[in-house]
Amino acid sequence: MTLYLWLMISALLHSYYVSITQIEYNQYTQSVEISCKIFTDDLEAALEKATGEKMHLGTERENPNAGQYVRQYLKDHLLFELNGKAVQYNFVGKEISGDATWCYLEISGVRELKSLKVSSQLLTEVFETQTNIVHITTGKNKKSLLLSKVKPADMVTF
């Protein structure tokens, strides 16, 4: 009984560091729509490490440059190659929902999605055990990637 209780307490005290990125190809708008769910306190830790400034995301004291810092952080830590070519994306915006920050991105002018390489180093400079889960949907095809500090990039083909 004591061992069981100790195992339960250990599991509760162990921190998990996870982000989820959802990528969907929209053939009608010829765009790739991306949403990233990142725990706000983890994102703040990364931004504060990068900038030396407190962020206070989602509060009335939010740093006035927070949106710019989030945009730059994503551009530095989340990269894509579509059909073998590196692409840039537009930062659409961010919103705070509960304990998570949702970031929205879009890649325009995508006529066809044959392959997608994702490099996600989100939060890996702050948390050694950070895991970045990526779900990709194009039509009826759904694929997932599990990225981390030791495996920051992977590719899927359709």
N, C-alpha and C. Protein backbone atom coordinates (compact mmCIF):
# COMPACT_ATOMS: atom_id res chain seq x y z
N MET A 1 0.82 -1.19 0.00
CA MET A 1 0.00 0.00 0.00
C MET A 1 0.87 1.26 0.00
N THR A 2 1.92 1.25 0.80
CA THR A 2 2.81 2.41 0.88
C THR A 2 3.50 2.65 -0.45
N LEU A 3 3.95 1.58 -1.09
CA LEU A 3 4.60 1.70 -2.40
C LEU A 3 3.63 2.27 -3.42
N TYR A 4 2.40 1.80 -3.42
CA TYR A 4 1.38 2.29 -4.35
C TYR A 4 1.14 3.78 -4.13
N LEU A 5 1.01 4.20 -2.89
CA LEU A 5 0.80 5.61 -2.56
C LEU A 5 1.99 6.45 -3.03
N TRP A 6 3.20 5.95 -2.81
CA TRP A 6 4.40 6.67 -3.24
C TRP A 6 4.42 6.82 -4.76
N LEU A 7 4.06 5.77 -5.48
CA LEU A 7 4.03 5.83 -6.94
C LEU A 7 3.00 6.84 -7.43
N MET A 8 1.85 6.88 -6.80
CA MET A 8 0.81 7.84 -7.18
C MET A 8 1.27 9.27 -6.94
N ILE A 9 1.88 9.53 -5.81
CA ILE A 9 2.36 10.88 -5.49
C ILE A 9 3.47 11.27 -6.45
N SER A 10 4.37 10.36 -6.76
CA SER A 10 5.46 10.65 -7.71
C SER A 10 4.91 11.00 -9.08
N ALA A 11 3.90 10.26 -9.51
CA ALA A 11 3.30 10.54 -10.82
C ALA A 11 2.65 11.91 -10.85
N LEU A 12 2.01 12.29 -9.76
CA LEU A 12 1.36 13.60 -9.71
C LEU A 12 2.38 14.73 -9.67
N LEU A 13 3.51 14.51 -9.04
CA LEU A 13 4.52 15.56 -8.93
C LEU A 13 5.36 15.71 -10.19
N HIS A 14 5.40 14.68 -11.01
CA HIS A 14 6.19 14.73 -12.24
C HIS A 14 5.55 15.69 -13.24
N SER A 15 6.34 16.60 -13.73
CA SER A 15 5.83 17.59 -14.69
C SER A 15 5.94 17.05 -16.11
N TYR A 16 4.91 17.31 -16.89
CA TYR A 16 4.92 16.96 -18.30
C TYR A 16 4.93 18.24 -19.11
N TYR A 17 5.75 18.29 -20.12
CA TYR A 17 5.86 19.47 -20.96
C TYR A 17 5.47 19.08 -22.38
N VAL A 18 4.30 19.56 -22.81
CA VAL A 18 3.75 19.15 -24.09
C VAL A 18 3.15 20.36 -24.81
N SER A 19 3.35 20.42 -26.11
CA SER A 19 2.60 21.35 -26.96
C SER A 19 1.91 20.52 -28.03
N ILE A 20 0.82 21.05 -28.55
CA ILE A 20 0.10 20.37 -29.62
C ILE A 20 -0.07 21.34 -30.77
N THR A 21 0.38 20.93 -31.95
CA THR A 21 0.22 21.73 -33.15
C THR A 21 -0.70 20.97 -34.10
N GLN A 22 -1.75 21.64 -34.53
CA GLN A 22 -2.69 21.05 -35.49
C GLN A 22 -2.52 21.76 -36.82
N ILE A 23 -2.32 20.97 -37.87
CA ILE A 23 -2.10 21.51 -39.21
C ILE A 23 -3.17 20.94 -40.13
N GLU A 24 -3.85 21.82 -40.84
CA GLU A 24 -4.90 21.34 -41.75
C GLU A 24 -4.76 22.04 -43.10
N TYR A 25 -4.70 21.22 -44.15
CA TYR A 25 -4.66 21.77 -45.50
C TYR A 25 -6.09 22.02 -45.96
N ASN A 26 -6.36 23.26 -46.36
CA ASN A 26 -7.68 23.64 -46.86
C ASN A 26 -7.56 23.82 -48.37
N GLN A 27 -8.03 22.83 -49.13
CA GLN A 27 -7.88 22.88 -50.59
C GLN A 27 -8.72 23.98 -51.22
N TYR A 28 -9.81 24.38 -50.56
CA TYR A 28 -10.69 25.41 -51.13
C TYR A 28 -10.05 26.80 -51.07
N THR A 29 -9.36 27.09 -49.97
CA THR A 29 -8.68 28.39 -49.85
C THR A 29 -7.22 28.29 -50.25
N GLN A 30 -6.78 27.08 -50.61
CA GLN A 30 -5.39 26.81 -50.96
C GLN A 30 -4.44 27.35 -49.90
N SER A 31 -4.73 26.96 -48.66
CA SER A 31 -3.89 27.41 -47.55
C SER A 31 -3.71 26.28 -46.54
N VAL A 32 -2.68 26.42 -45.76
CA VAL A 32 -2.42 25.52 -44.65
C VAL A 32 -2.70 26.32 -43.38
N GLU A 33 -3.64 25.83 -42.59
CA GLU A 33 -4.05 26.51 -41.36
C GLU A 33 -3.43 25.78 -40.18
N ILE A 34 -2.76 26.53 -39.32
CA ILE A 34 -1.99 25.95 -38.23
C ILE A 34 -2.43 26.56 -36.91
N SER A 35 -2.67 25.72 -35.93
CA SER A 35 -2.94 26.21 -34.58
C SER A 35 -2.04 25.47 -33.61
N CYS A 36 -1.44 26.23 -32.71
CA CYS A 36 -0.53 25.66 -31.71
C CYS A 36 -1.10 25.91 -30.32
N LYS A 37 -1.21 24.85 -29.55
CA LYS A 37 -1.65 24.97 -28.16
C LYS A 37 -0.42 24.77 -27.27
N ILE A 38 -0.09 25.82 -26.53
CA ILE A 38 1.09 25.80 -25.67
C ILE A 38 0.65 26.25 -24.28
N PHE A 39 1.05 25.53 -23.25
CA PHE A 39 0.70 25.97 -21.90
C PHE A 39 1.30 27.34 -21.66
N THR A 40 0.48 28.25 -21.18
CA THR A 40 0.86 29.65 -21.06
C THR A 40 2.08 29.83 -20.16
N ASP A 41 2.13 29.15 -19.02
CA ASP A 41 3.27 29.33 -18.13
C ASP A 41 4.56 28.84 -18.78
N ASP A 42 4.48 27.78 -19.58
CA ASP A 42 5.67 27.29 -20.29
C ASP A 42 6.11 28.28 -21.37
N LEU A 43 5.15 28.82 -22.11
CA LEU A 43 5.47 29.81 -23.14
C LEU A 43 6.08 31.05 -22.52
N GLU A 44 5.53 31.49 -21.39
CA GLU A 44 6.09 32.65 -20.70
C GLU A 44 7.53 32.39 -20.28
N ALA A 45 7.81 31.19 -19.79
CA ALA A 45 9.18 30.85 -19.38
C ALA A 45 10.13 30.97 -20.56
N ALA A 46 9.72 30.47 -21.72
CA ALA A 46 10.57 30.55 -22.92
C ALA A 46 10.75 31.99 -23.37
N LEU A 47 9.66 32.76 -23.39
CA LEU A 47 9.75 34.16 -23.83
C LEU A 47 10.58 34.99 -22.87
N GLU A 48 10.42 34.75 -21.57
CA GLU A 48 11.19 35.49 -20.58
C GLU A 48 12.67 35.14 -20.66
N LYS A 49 12.97 33.88 -20.96
CA LYS A 49 14.37 33.48 -21.14
C LYS A 49 14.96 34.18 -22.37
N ALA A 50 14.18 34.28 -23.43
CA ALA A 50 14.66 34.89 -24.68
C ALA A 50 14.78 36.40 -24.59
N THR A 51 13.87 37.05 -23.86
CA THR A 51 13.83 38.51 -23.86
C THR A 51 14.29 39.16 -22.57
N GLY A 52 14.28 38.41 -21.48
CA GLY A 52 14.60 39.00 -20.18
C GLY A 52 13.46 39.83 -19.62
N GLU A 53 12.29 39.77 -20.24
CA GLU A 53 11.13 40.56 -19.80
C GLU A 53 10.00 39.64 -19.34
N LYS A 54 9.25 40.11 -18.35
CA LYS A 54 8.05 39.39 -17.90
C LYS A 54 6.95 39.58 -18.94
N MET A 55 6.14 38.55 -19.16
CA MET A 55 5.11 38.61 -20.19
C MET A 55 3.70 38.84 -19.64
N HIS A 56 3.32 38.15 -18.56
CA HIS A 56 1.97 38.26 -17.99
C HIS A 56 0.90 38.03 -19.06
N LEU A 57 1.08 37.00 -19.86
CA LEU A 57 0.15 36.73 -20.97
C LEU A 57 -1.28 36.55 -20.48
N GLY A 58 -2.19 37.17 -21.19
CA GLY A 58 -3.61 37.03 -20.90
C GLY A 58 -4.10 37.79 -19.69
N THR A 59 -3.27 38.69 -19.17
CA THR A 59 -3.68 39.50 -18.02
C THR A 59 -3.71 40.97 -18.43
N GLU A 60 -4.23 41.79 -17.55
CA GLU A 60 -4.25 43.23 -17.83
C GLU A 60 -2.85 43.83 -17.81
N ARG A 61 -1.90 43.09 -17.24
CA ARG A 61 -0.50 43.56 -17.22
C ARG A 61 0.33 42.95 -18.35
N GLU A 62 -0.33 42.38 -19.37
CA GLU A 62 0.41 41.74 -20.46
C GLU A 62 1.41 42.72 -21.07
N ASN A 63 2.61 42.24 -21.27
CA ASN A 63 3.67 43.03 -21.89
C ASN A 63 3.16 43.57 -23.23
N PRO A 64 3.30 44.88 -23.47
CA PRO A 64 2.79 45.44 -24.73
C PRO A 64 3.46 44.86 -25.98
N ASN A 65 4.62 44.25 -25.82
CA ASN A 65 5.32 43.64 -26.95
C ASN A 65 5.10 42.13 -27.03
N ALA A 66 4.20 41.59 -26.22
CA ALA A 66 4.02 40.14 -26.14
C ALA A 66 3.67 39.52 -27.48
N GLY A 67 2.77 40.13 -28.23
CA GLY A 67 2.40 39.58 -29.54
C GLY A 67 3.58 39.48 -30.48
N GLN A 68 4.40 40.53 -30.48
CA GLN A 68 5.60 40.55 -31.32
C GLN A 68 6.59 39.48 -30.86
N TYR A 69 6.74 39.32 -29.55
CA TYR A 69 7.66 38.31 -29.02
C TYR A 69 7.18 36.90 -29.35
N VAL A 70 5.88 36.66 -29.23
CA VAL A 70 5.34 35.34 -29.56
C VAL A 70 5.57 35.05 -31.04
N ARG A 71 5.28 36.01 -31.90
CA ARG A 71 5.47 35.85 -33.35
C ARG A 71 6.92 35.48 -33.66
N GLN A 72 7.86 36.22 -33.09
CA GLN A 72 9.28 35.96 -33.35
C GLN A 72 9.70 34.61 -32.79
N TYR A 73 9.21 34.27 -31.61
CA TYR A 73 9.55 32.99 -31.01
C TYR A 73 9.11 31.84 -31.92
N LEU A 74 7.90 31.93 -32.42
CA LEU A 74 7.40 30.88 -33.32
C LEU A 74 8.23 30.82 -34.60
N LYS A 75 8.56 31.97 -35.18
CA LYS A 75 9.36 31.98 -36.41
C LYS A 75 10.73 31.35 -36.20
N ASP A 76 11.27 31.47 -34.98
CA ASP A 76 12.58 30.90 -34.67
C ASP A 76 12.52 29.42 -34.31
N HIS A 77 11.37 28.94 -33.84
CA HIS A 77 11.29 27.59 -33.29
C HIS A 77 10.33 26.64 -34.00
N LEU A 78 9.59 27.14 -34.98
CA LEU A 78 8.63 26.30 -35.70
C LEU A 78 8.78 26.57 -37.20
N LEU A 79 9.31 25.58 -37.92
CA LEU A 79 9.63 25.75 -39.34
C LEU A 79 8.94 24.66 -40.16
N PHE A 80 8.63 25.02 -41.42
CA PHE A 80 7.94 24.09 -42.31
C PHE A 80 8.59 24.06 -43.68
N GLU A 81 8.57 22.87 -44.29
CA GLU A 81 8.91 22.70 -45.70
C GLU A 81 7.73 22.01 -46.35
N LEU A 82 7.16 22.66 -47.36
CA LEU A 82 6.05 22.08 -48.11
C LEU A 82 6.56 21.62 -49.46
N ASN A 83 6.30 20.37 -49.79
CA ASN A 83 6.70 19.81 -51.08
C ASN A 83 8.18 20.07 -51.36
N GLY A 84 9.01 19.94 -50.32
CA GLY A 84 10.45 20.07 -50.46
C GLY A 84 11.00 21.48 -50.42
N LYS A 85 10.16 22.49 -50.19
CA LYS A 85 10.62 23.88 -50.17
C LYS A 85 10.27 24.55 -48.84
N ALA A 86 11.26 25.25 -48.27
CA ALA A 86 11.01 26.00 -47.04
C ALA A 86 9.98 27.09 -47.32
N VAL A 87 9.06 27.26 -46.39
CA VAL A 87 8.01 28.27 -46.56
C VAL A 87 7.90 29.14 -45.31
N GLN A 88 7.44 30.35 -45.52
CA GLN A 88 7.15 31.27 -44.42
C GLN A 88 5.66 31.23 -44.16
N TYR A 89 5.28 31.54 -42.96
CA TYR A 89 3.86 31.60 -42.62
C TYR A 89 3.52 32.96 -42.03
N ASN A 90 2.24 33.26 -42.06
CA ASN A 90 1.74 34.49 -41.46
C ASN A 90 1.27 34.18 -40.05
N PHE A 91 1.64 35.04 -39.11
CA PHE A 91 1.15 34.94 -37.74
C PHE A 91 -0.20 35.65 -37.71
N VAL A 92 -1.27 34.88 -37.54
CA VAL A 92 -2.62 35.44 -37.56
C VAL A 92 -2.96 36.06 -36.20
N GLY A 93 -2.51 35.43 -35.12
CA GLY A 93 -2.77 35.97 -33.80
C GLY A 93 -2.66 34.92 -32.72
N LYS A 94 -2.98 35.35 -31.50
CA LYS A 94 -2.94 34.46 -30.35
C LYS A 94 -4.13 34.74 -29.45
N GLU A 95 -4.51 33.73 -28.68
CA GLU A 95 -5.54 33.94 -27.67
C GLU A 95 -5.25 33.03 -26.48
N ILE A 96 -5.64 33.51 -25.31
CA ILE A 96 -5.44 32.75 -24.09
C ILE A 96 -6.78 32.11 -23.74
N SER A 97 -6.75 30.82 -23.47
CA SER A 97 -7.95 30.09 -23.09
C SER A 97 -7.59 29.18 -21.91
N GLY A 98 -8.05 29.53 -20.73
CA GLY A 98 -7.69 28.76 -19.55
C GLY A 98 -6.20 28.86 -19.30
N ASP A 99 -5.54 27.71 -19.19
CA ASP A 99 -4.10 27.71 -18.93
C ASP A 99 -3.27 27.55 -20.20
N ALA A 100 -3.91 27.71 -21.35
CA ALA A 100 -3.21 27.52 -22.63
C ALA A 100 -3.25 28.78 -23.49
N THR A 101 -2.20 28.94 -24.27
CA THR A 101 -2.15 29.98 -25.29
C THR A 101 -2.29 29.29 -26.63
N TRP A 102 -3.23 29.76 -27.43
CA TRP A 102 -3.43 29.26 -28.78
C TRP A 102 -2.82 30.27 -29.74
N CYS A 103 -1.95 29.81 -30.63
CA CYS A 103 -1.35 30.66 -31.65
C CYS A 103 -1.84 30.17 -33.01
N TYR A 104 -2.20 31.12 -33.86
CA TYR A 104 -2.77 30.79 -35.16
C TYR A 104 -1.86 31.30 -36.28
N LEU A 105 -1.57 30.41 -37.22
CA LEU A 105 -0.66 30.70 -38.33
C LEU A 105 -1.32 30.25 -39.62
N GLU A 106 -0.84 30.81 -40.74
CA GLU A 106 -1.38 30.40 -42.04
C GLU A 106 -0.31 30.50 -43.11
N ILE A 107 -0.31 29.49 -43.98
CA ILE A 107 0.54 29.49 -45.16
C ILE A 107 -0.39 29.59 -46.36
N SER A 108 -0.25 30.64 -47.14
CA SER A 108 -1.15 30.88 -48.28
C SER A 108 -0.53 30.38 -49.58
N GLY A 109 -1.38 30.23 -50.60
CA GLY A 109 -0.92 29.88 -51.94
C GLY A 109 -0.42 28.46 -52.09
N VAL A 110 -1.04 27.52 -51.38
CA VAL A 110 -0.62 26.12 -51.45
C VAL A 110 -1.62 25.37 -52.33
N ARG A 111 -1.22 25.10 -53.57
CA ARG A 111 -2.11 24.43 -54.51
C ARG A 111 -2.29 22.95 -54.20
N GLU A 112 -1.22 22.36 -53.66
CA GLU A 112 -1.24 20.92 -53.40
C GLU A 112 -0.27 20.62 -52.26
N LEU A 113 -0.64 19.66 -51.44
CA LEU A 113 0.24 19.26 -50.34
C LEU A 113 0.62 17.79 -50.54
N LYS A 114 1.86 17.59 -51.00
CA LYS A 114 2.36 16.23 -51.23
C LYS A 114 3.23 15.77 -50.06
N SER A 115 4.02 16.70 -49.52
CA SER A 115 4.86 16.36 -48.38
C SER A 115 4.97 17.58 -47.46
N LEU A 116 5.20 17.28 -46.20
CA LEU A 116 5.34 18.33 -45.20
C LEU A 116 6.41 17.92 -44.20
N LYS A 117 7.43 18.76 -44.09
CA LYS A 117 8.45 18.56 -43.06
C LYS A 117 8.21 19.60 -41.98
N VAL A 118 8.14 19.15 -40.75
CA VAL A 118 7.91 20.03 -39.61
C VAL A 118 9.12 19.98 -38.70
N SER A 119 9.63 21.14 -38.35
CA SER A 119 10.69 21.26 -37.35
C SER A 119 10.11 22.07 -36.20
N SER A 120 9.92 21.41 -35.07
CA SER A 120 9.34 22.08 -33.90
C SER A 120 10.30 21.96 -32.73
N GLN A 121 10.92 23.08 -32.41
CA GLN A 121 11.79 23.14 -31.24
C GLN A 121 11.14 24.00 -30.16
N LEU A 122 9.81 24.04 -30.16
CA LEU A 122 9.09 24.82 -29.17
C LEU A 122 9.45 24.34 -27.77
N LEU A 123 9.92 25.25 -26.95
CA LEU A 123 10.19 25.07 -25.53
C LEU A 123 11.33 24.10 -25.21
N THR A 124 11.98 23.53 -26.21
CA THR A 124 13.04 22.56 -25.93
C THR A 124 14.27 23.20 -25.31
N GLU A 125 14.42 24.51 -25.46
CA GLU A 125 15.55 25.19 -24.83
C GLU A 125 15.29 25.45 -23.35
N VAL A 126 14.05 25.27 -22.92
CA VAL A 126 13.67 25.51 -21.53
C VAL A 126 13.46 24.19 -20.78
N PHE A 127 12.84 23.22 -21.44
CA PHE A 127 12.48 21.96 -20.79
C PHE A 127 13.10 20.79 -21.56
N GLU A 128 13.98 20.06 -20.91
CA GLU A 128 14.66 18.92 -21.53
C GLU A 128 13.69 17.86 -22.03
N THR A 129 12.59 17.67 -21.32
CA THR A 129 11.65 16.60 -21.66
C THR A 129 10.46 17.09 -22.48
N GLN A 130 10.57 18.27 -23.06
CA GLN A 130 9.48 18.83 -23.87
C GLN A 130 9.14 17.90 -25.03
N THR A 131 7.86 17.66 -25.22
CA THR A 131 7.36 16.87 -26.35
C THR A 131 6.43 17.76 -27.16
N ASN A 132 6.62 17.78 -28.46
CA ASN A 132 5.78 18.57 -29.36
C ASN A 132 5.04 17.62 -30.29
N ILE A 133 3.75 17.53 -30.08
CA ILE A 133 2.90 16.64 -30.87
C ILE A 133 2.34 17.44 -32.03
N VAL A 134 2.41 16.87 -33.23
CA VAL A 134 1.92 17.55 -34.43
C VAL A 134 0.91 16.63 -35.12
N HIS A 135 -0.30 17.14 -35.31
CA HIS A 135 -1.34 16.41 -36.04
C HIS A 135 -1.55 17.11 -37.38
N ILE A 136 -1.53 16.34 -38.46
CA ILE A 136 -1.64 16.90 -39.81
C ILE A 136 -2.84 16.26 -40.51
N THR A 137 -3.70 17.10 -41.08
CA THR A 137 -4.87 16.62 -41.79
C THR A 137 -4.91 17.24 -43.18
N THR A 138 -5.07 16.40 -44.19
CA THR A 138 -5.30 16.87 -45.54
C THR A 138 -6.37 15.97 -46.14
N GLY A 139 -7.53 16.53 -46.38
CA GLY A 139 -8.65 15.71 -46.83
C GLY A 139 -9.00 14.67 -45.79
N LYS A 140 -9.01 13.41 -46.21
CA LYS A 140 -9.31 12.32 -45.28
C LYS A 140 -8.06 11.73 -44.64
N ASN A 141 -6.89 12.21 -45.06
CA ASN A 141 -5.63 11.71 -44.53
C ASN A 141 -5.28 12.42 -43.23
N LYS A 142 -4.94 11.62 -42.20
CA LYS A 142 -4.52 12.18 -40.92
C LYS A 142 -3.24 11.48 -40.50
N LYS A 143 -2.24 12.28 -40.14
CA LYS A 143 -0.98 11.73 -39.69
C LYS A 143 -0.51 12.54 -38.49
N SER A 144 0.33 11.92 -37.66
CA SER A 144 0.84 12.60 -36.47
C SER A 144 2.34 12.40 -36.36
N LEU A 145 2.98 13.39 -35.76
CA LEU A 145 4.41 13.35 -35.49
C LEU A 145 4.63 13.60 -34.00
N LEU A 146 5.67 12.98 -33.47
CA LEU A 146 6.06 13.19 -32.08
C LEU A 146 7.49 13.73 -32.11
N LEU A 147 7.63 15.01 -31.79
CA LEU A 147 8.93 15.67 -31.88
C LEU A 147 9.42 16.05 -30.49
N SER A 148 10.75 16.17 -30.36
CA SER A 148 11.35 16.47 -29.07
C SER A 148 12.72 17.10 -29.30
N LYS A 149 13.43 17.32 -28.21
CA LYS A 149 14.77 17.89 -28.32
C LYS A 149 15.69 16.97 -29.11
N VAL A 150 15.56 15.66 -28.91
CA VAL A 150 16.42 14.72 -29.61
C VAL A 150 15.94 14.41 -31.02
N LYS A 151 14.68 14.67 -31.30
CA LYS A 151 14.12 14.49 -32.65
C LYS A 151 13.25 15.71 -32.97
N PRO A 152 13.89 16.82 -33.36
CA PRO A 152 13.14 18.07 -33.55
C PRO A 152 12.37 18.15 -34.87
N ALA A 153 12.64 17.27 -35.82
CA ALA A 153 12.00 17.39 -37.13
C ALA A 153 11.62 16.01 -37.67
N ASP A 154 10.58 16.02 -38.50
CA ASP A 154 10.17 14.80 -39.19
C ASP A 154 9.32 15.20 -40.39
N MET A 155 9.09 14.24 -41.28
CA MET A 155 8.37 14.54 -42.51
C MET A 155 7.28 13.51 -42.75
N VAL A 156 6.18 13.98 -43.36
CA VAL A 156 5.11 13.08 -43.79
C VAL A 156 4.87 13.31 -45.28
N THR A 157 4.41 12.27 -45.94
CA THR A 157 4.05 12.40 -47.36
C THR A 157 2.61 11.93 -47.52
N PHE A 158 1.95 12.48 -48.55
CA PHE A 158 0.55 12.15 -48.82
C PHE A 158 0.41 11.63 -50.23
